[in-house]
Amino acid sequence: QVQLVESGGGLVQPGGSLRLSCAVSGSVFSINAMGWYRQAPGKQRELVADITSGGSTVYADSVKGRFTISRDNAKNTVFLQMKSLKPEDTAVYYCTAGFTIAVPAYWGQGTQVTVSS
């Protein structure tokens, strides 16, 4: 099995920054992609960003230029640096891990990000 533990969520003002981290453990030998999805109240869960072990990335159009995904392969950890945050970024952010980019097989428990003044 694979376990994912997120950290770094919280309350931030519009225009602010926040960094999410996720440590992946367990049977990680076959995991290639790691990433982030989010779900806002009343909306469907959506891809935010995903990254392969080789460094290929995919981003939602709504976060391009503001969010940066990165990973530490040696530590099986994925990060999401969020800048210029907007109220519409408010959501529960879920860490994901999978075998193919943007096709999650495992999910974390989620961490709340609230952008509000």
C-alpha atoms as a PDB file:
ATOM      1  CA  GLN A   1       0.000   0.000   0.000  1.00  0.00           C
ATOM      2  CA  VAL A   2       0.910   3.641  -0.391  1.00  0.00           C
ATOM      3  CA  GLN A   3       0.437   6.343   2.229  1.00  0.00           C
ATOM      4  CA  LEU A   4       0.381  10.081   1.563  1.00  0.00           C
ATOM      5  CA  VAL A   5       0.635  12.726   4.265  1.00  0.00           C
ATOM      6  CA  GLU A   6       0.095  16.381   3.366  1.00  0.00           C
ATOM      7  CA  SER A   7       1.153  19.448   5.301  1.00  0.00           C
ATOM      8  CA  GLY A   8       1.297  23.197   4.805  1.00  0.00           C
ATOM      9  CA  GLY A   9      -2.306  24.251   4.362  1.00  0.00           C
ATOM     10  CA  GLY A  10      -3.835  27.211   6.147  1.00  0.00           C
ATOM     11  CA  LEU A  11      -5.291  30.678   5.882  1.00  0.00           C
ATOM     12  CA  VAL A  12      -3.611  33.264   3.677  1.00  0.00           C
ATOM     13  CA  GLN A  13      -4.591  36.696   2.377  1.00  0.00           C
ATOM     14  CA  PRO A  14      -5.214  37.310  -1.321  1.00  0.00           C
ATOM     15  CA  GLY A  15      -1.924  37.828  -3.104  1.00  0.00           C
ATOM     16  CA  GLY A  16      -0.078  35.768  -0.540  1.00  0.00           C
ATOM     17  CA  SER A  17       1.921  32.570  -0.836  1.00  0.00           C
ATOM     18  CA  LEU A  18       1.738  29.103   0.632  1.00  0.00           C
ATOM     19  CA  ARG A  19       3.744  25.911   0.183  1.00  0.00           C
ATOM     20  CA  LEU A  20       2.223  22.466   0.434  1.00  0.00           C
ATOM     21  CA  SER A  21       4.268  19.337   1.050  1.00  0.00           C
ATOM     22  CA  CYS A  22       3.368  15.680   0.755  1.00  0.00           C
ATOM     23  CA  ALA A  23       5.420  12.709   1.886  1.00  0.00           C
ATOM     24  CA  VAL A  24       4.699   9.437   0.114  1.00  0.00           C
ATOM     25  CA  SER A  25       5.624   6.144   1.757  1.00  0.00           C
ATOM     26  CA  GLY A  26       4.979   2.426   1.453  1.00  0.00           C
ATOM     27  CA  SER A  27       5.123   0.545  -1.844  1.00  0.00           C
ATOM     28  CA  VAL A  28       6.475   3.453  -3.850  1.00  0.00           C
ATOM     29  CA  PHE A  29       8.754   1.549  -6.226  1.00  0.00           C
ATOM     30  CA  SER A  30       6.182   1.652  -9.030  1.00  0.00           C
ATOM     31  CA  ILE A  31       4.959   5.197  -8.408  1.00  0.00           C
ATOM     32  CA  ASN A  32       5.875   7.548 -11.259  1.00  0.00           C
ATOM     33  CA  ALA A  33       3.606  10.564 -10.945  1.00  0.00           C
ATOM     34  CA  MET A  34       2.906  12.674  -7.883  1.00  0.00           C
ATOM     35  CA  GLY A  35       0.692  15.693  -7.755  1.00  0.00           C
ATOM     36  CA  TRP A  36      -2.127  17.762  -6.377  1.00  0.00           C
ATOM     37  CA  TYR A  37      -5.854  17.956  -6.918  1.00  0.00           C
ATOM     38  CA  ARG A  38      -8.291  20.299  -5.220  1.00  0.00           C
ATOM     39  CA  GLN A  39     -11.974  20.461  -4.459  1.00  0.00           C
ATOM     40  CA  ALA A  40     -13.804  23.665  -3.660  1.00  0.00           C
ATOM     41  CA  PRO A  41     -17.223  23.675  -1.966  1.00  0.00           C
ATOM     42  CA  GLY A  42     -19.929  22.725  -4.436  1.00  0.00           C
ATOM     43  CA  LYS A  43     -17.447  21.956  -7.194  1.00  0.00           C
ATOM     44  CA  GLN A  44     -15.903  18.847  -8.676  1.00  0.00           C
ATOM     45  CA  ARG A  45     -12.431  17.752  -7.746  1.00  0.00           C
ATOM     46  CA  GLU A  46      -9.916  19.023 -10.305  1.00  0.00           C
ATOM     47  CA  LEU A  47      -6.291  18.572 -11.222  1.00  0.00           C
ATOM     48  CA  VAL A  48      -3.998  21.339 -10.026  1.00  0.00           C
ATOM     49  CA  ALA A  49      -0.601  20.005 -11.063  1.00  0.00           C
ATOM     50  CA  ASP A  50       1.214  16.723 -11.545  1.00  0.00           C
ATOM     51  CA  ILE A  51       4.850  15.753 -12.021  1.00  0.00           C
ATOM     52  CA  THR A  52       6.632  12.591 -13.093  1.00  0.00           C
ATOM     53  CA  SER A  53       9.843  11.215 -11.644  1.00  0.00           C
ATOM     54  CA  GLY A  54      11.555  12.525 -14.784  1.00  0.00           C
ATOM     55  CA  GLY A  55      10.314  16.048 -14.192  1.00  0.00           C
ATOM     56  CA  SER A  56       7.513  16.289 -16.756  1.00  0.00           C
ATOM     57  CA  THR A  57       4.711  18.488 -15.482  1.00  0.00           C
ATOM     58  CA  VAL A  58       1.111  19.359 -16.199  1.00  0.00           C
ATOM     59  CA  TYR A  59      -0.819  22.293 -14.741  1.00  0.00           C
ATOM     60  CA  ALA A  60      -4.389  23.469 -14.700  1.00  0.00           C
ATOM     61  CA  ASP A  61      -4.753  26.599 -16.821  1.00  0.00           C
ATOM     62  CA  SER A  62      -6.072  28.492 -13.800  1.00  0.00           C
ATOM     63  CA  VAL A  63      -2.797  28.100 -11.880  1.00  0.00           C
ATOM     64  CA  LYS A  64      -0.194  28.383 -14.640  1.00  0.00           C
ATOM     65  CA  GLY A  65       2.343  31.074 -13.827  1.00  0.00           C
ATOM     66  CA  ARG A  66       1.305  31.173 -10.165  1.00  0.00           C
ATOM     67  CA  PHE A  67       1.844  27.627  -8.879  1.00  0.00           C
ATOM     68  CA  THR A  68       4.980  25.518  -9.190  1.00  0.00           C
ATOM     69  CA  ILE A  69       5.146  21.794  -8.552  1.00  0.00           C
ATOM     70  CA  SER A  70       8.393  20.064  -7.665  1.00  0.00           C
ATOM     71  CA  ARG A  71       9.526  16.827  -6.083  1.00  0.00           C
ATOM     72  CA  ASP A  72      12.395  15.257  -4.218  1.00  0.00           C
ATOM     73  CA  ASN A  73      12.681  11.747  -5.635  1.00  0.00           C
ATOM     74  CA  ALA A  74      15.144  10.631  -2.967  1.00  0.00           C
ATOM     75  CA  LYS A  75      12.654  11.523  -0.239  1.00  0.00           C
ATOM     76  CA  ASN A  76       9.469  10.637  -2.166  1.00  0.00           C
ATOM     77  CA  THR A  77       8.117  14.086  -1.425  1.00  0.00           C
ATOM     78  CA  VAL A  78       6.160  16.421  -3.668  1.00  0.00           C
ATOM     79  CA  PHE A  79       5.730  20.161  -3.160  1.00  0.00           C
ATOM     80  CA  LEU A  80       3.329  22.784  -4.428  1.00  0.00           C
ATOM     81  CA  GLN A  81       4.516  26.368  -4.210  1.00  0.00           C
ATOM     82  CA  MET A  82       1.515  28.677  -4.545  1.00  0.00           C
ATOM     83  CA  LYS A  83       1.928  32.400  -5.196  1.00  0.00           C
ATOM     84  CA  SER A  84      -0.440  35.260  -5.984  1.00  0.00           C
ATOM     85  CA  LEU A  85      -3.219  33.325  -4.325  1.00  0.00           C
ATOM     86  CA  LYS A  86      -6.801  34.260  -5.106  1.00  0.00           C
ATOM     87  CA  PRO A  87     -10.027  33.619  -3.175  1.00  0.00           C
ATOM     88  CA  GLU A  88     -11.012  31.156  -5.900  1.00  0.00           C
ATOM     89  CA  ASP A  89      -8.007  29.021  -4.933  1.00  0.00           C
ATOM     90  CA  THR A  90      -9.787  28.212  -1.678  1.00  0.00           C
ATOM     91  CA  ALA A  91     -10.285  24.456  -1.550  1.00  0.00           C
ATOM     92  CA  VAL A  92      -9.223  21.222   0.052  1.00  0.00           C
ATOM     93  CA  TYR A  93      -5.985  20.217  -1.631  1.00  0.00           C
ATOM     94  CA  TYR A  94      -5.272  16.509  -2.051  1.00  0.00           C
ATOM     95  CA  CYS A  95      -1.904  14.954  -2.662  1.00  0.00           C
ATOM     96  CA  THR A  96      -1.941  12.143  -5.211  1.00  0.00           C
ATOM     97  CA  ALA A  97       0.370   9.409  -6.443  1.00  0.00           C
ATOM     98  CA  GLY A  98       0.050   7.192  -9.478  1.00  0.00           C
ATOM     99  CA  PHE A  99       1.675   5.276 -12.303  1.00  0.00           C
ATOM    100  CA  THR A 100       0.784   7.700 -15.077  1.00  0.00           C
ATOM    101  CA  ILE A 101       0.758  11.479 -15.064  1.00  0.00           C
ATOM    102  CA  ALA A 102      -2.636  12.984 -14.168  1.00  0.00           C
ATOM    103  CA  VAL A 103      -4.125   9.552 -13.399  1.00  0.00           C
ATOM    104  CA  PRO A 104      -4.021   9.270  -9.601  1.00  0.00           C
ATOM    105  CA  ALA A 105      -4.118   5.871  -7.944  1.00  0.00           C
ATOM    106  CA  TYR A 106      -3.661   6.972  -4.349  1.00  0.00           C
ATOM    107  CA  TRP A 107      -4.962   9.971  -2.420  1.00  0.00           C
ATOM    108  CA  GLY A 108      -3.984  11.809   0.722  1.00  0.00           C
ATOM    109  CA  GLN A 109      -6.485  12.929   3.325  1.00  0.00           C
ATOM    110  CA  GLY A 110      -6.487  16.534   2.121  1.00  0.00           C
ATOM    111  CA  THR A 111      -5.396  19.847   3.562  1.00  0.00           C
ATOM    112  CA  GLN A 112      -7.496  23.007   3.656  1.00  0.00           C
ATOM    113  CA  VAL A 113      -6.274  26.143   1.890  1.00  0.00           C
ATOM    114  CA  THR A 114      -8.319  29.267   2.518  1.00  0.00           C
ATOM    115  CA  VAL A 115      -7.592  32.541   0.728  1.00  0.00           C
ATOM    116  CA  SER A 116      -9.421  35.367   2.416  1.00  0.00           C
ATOM    117  CA  SER A 117      -8.872  38.822   3.810  1.00  0.00           C
END
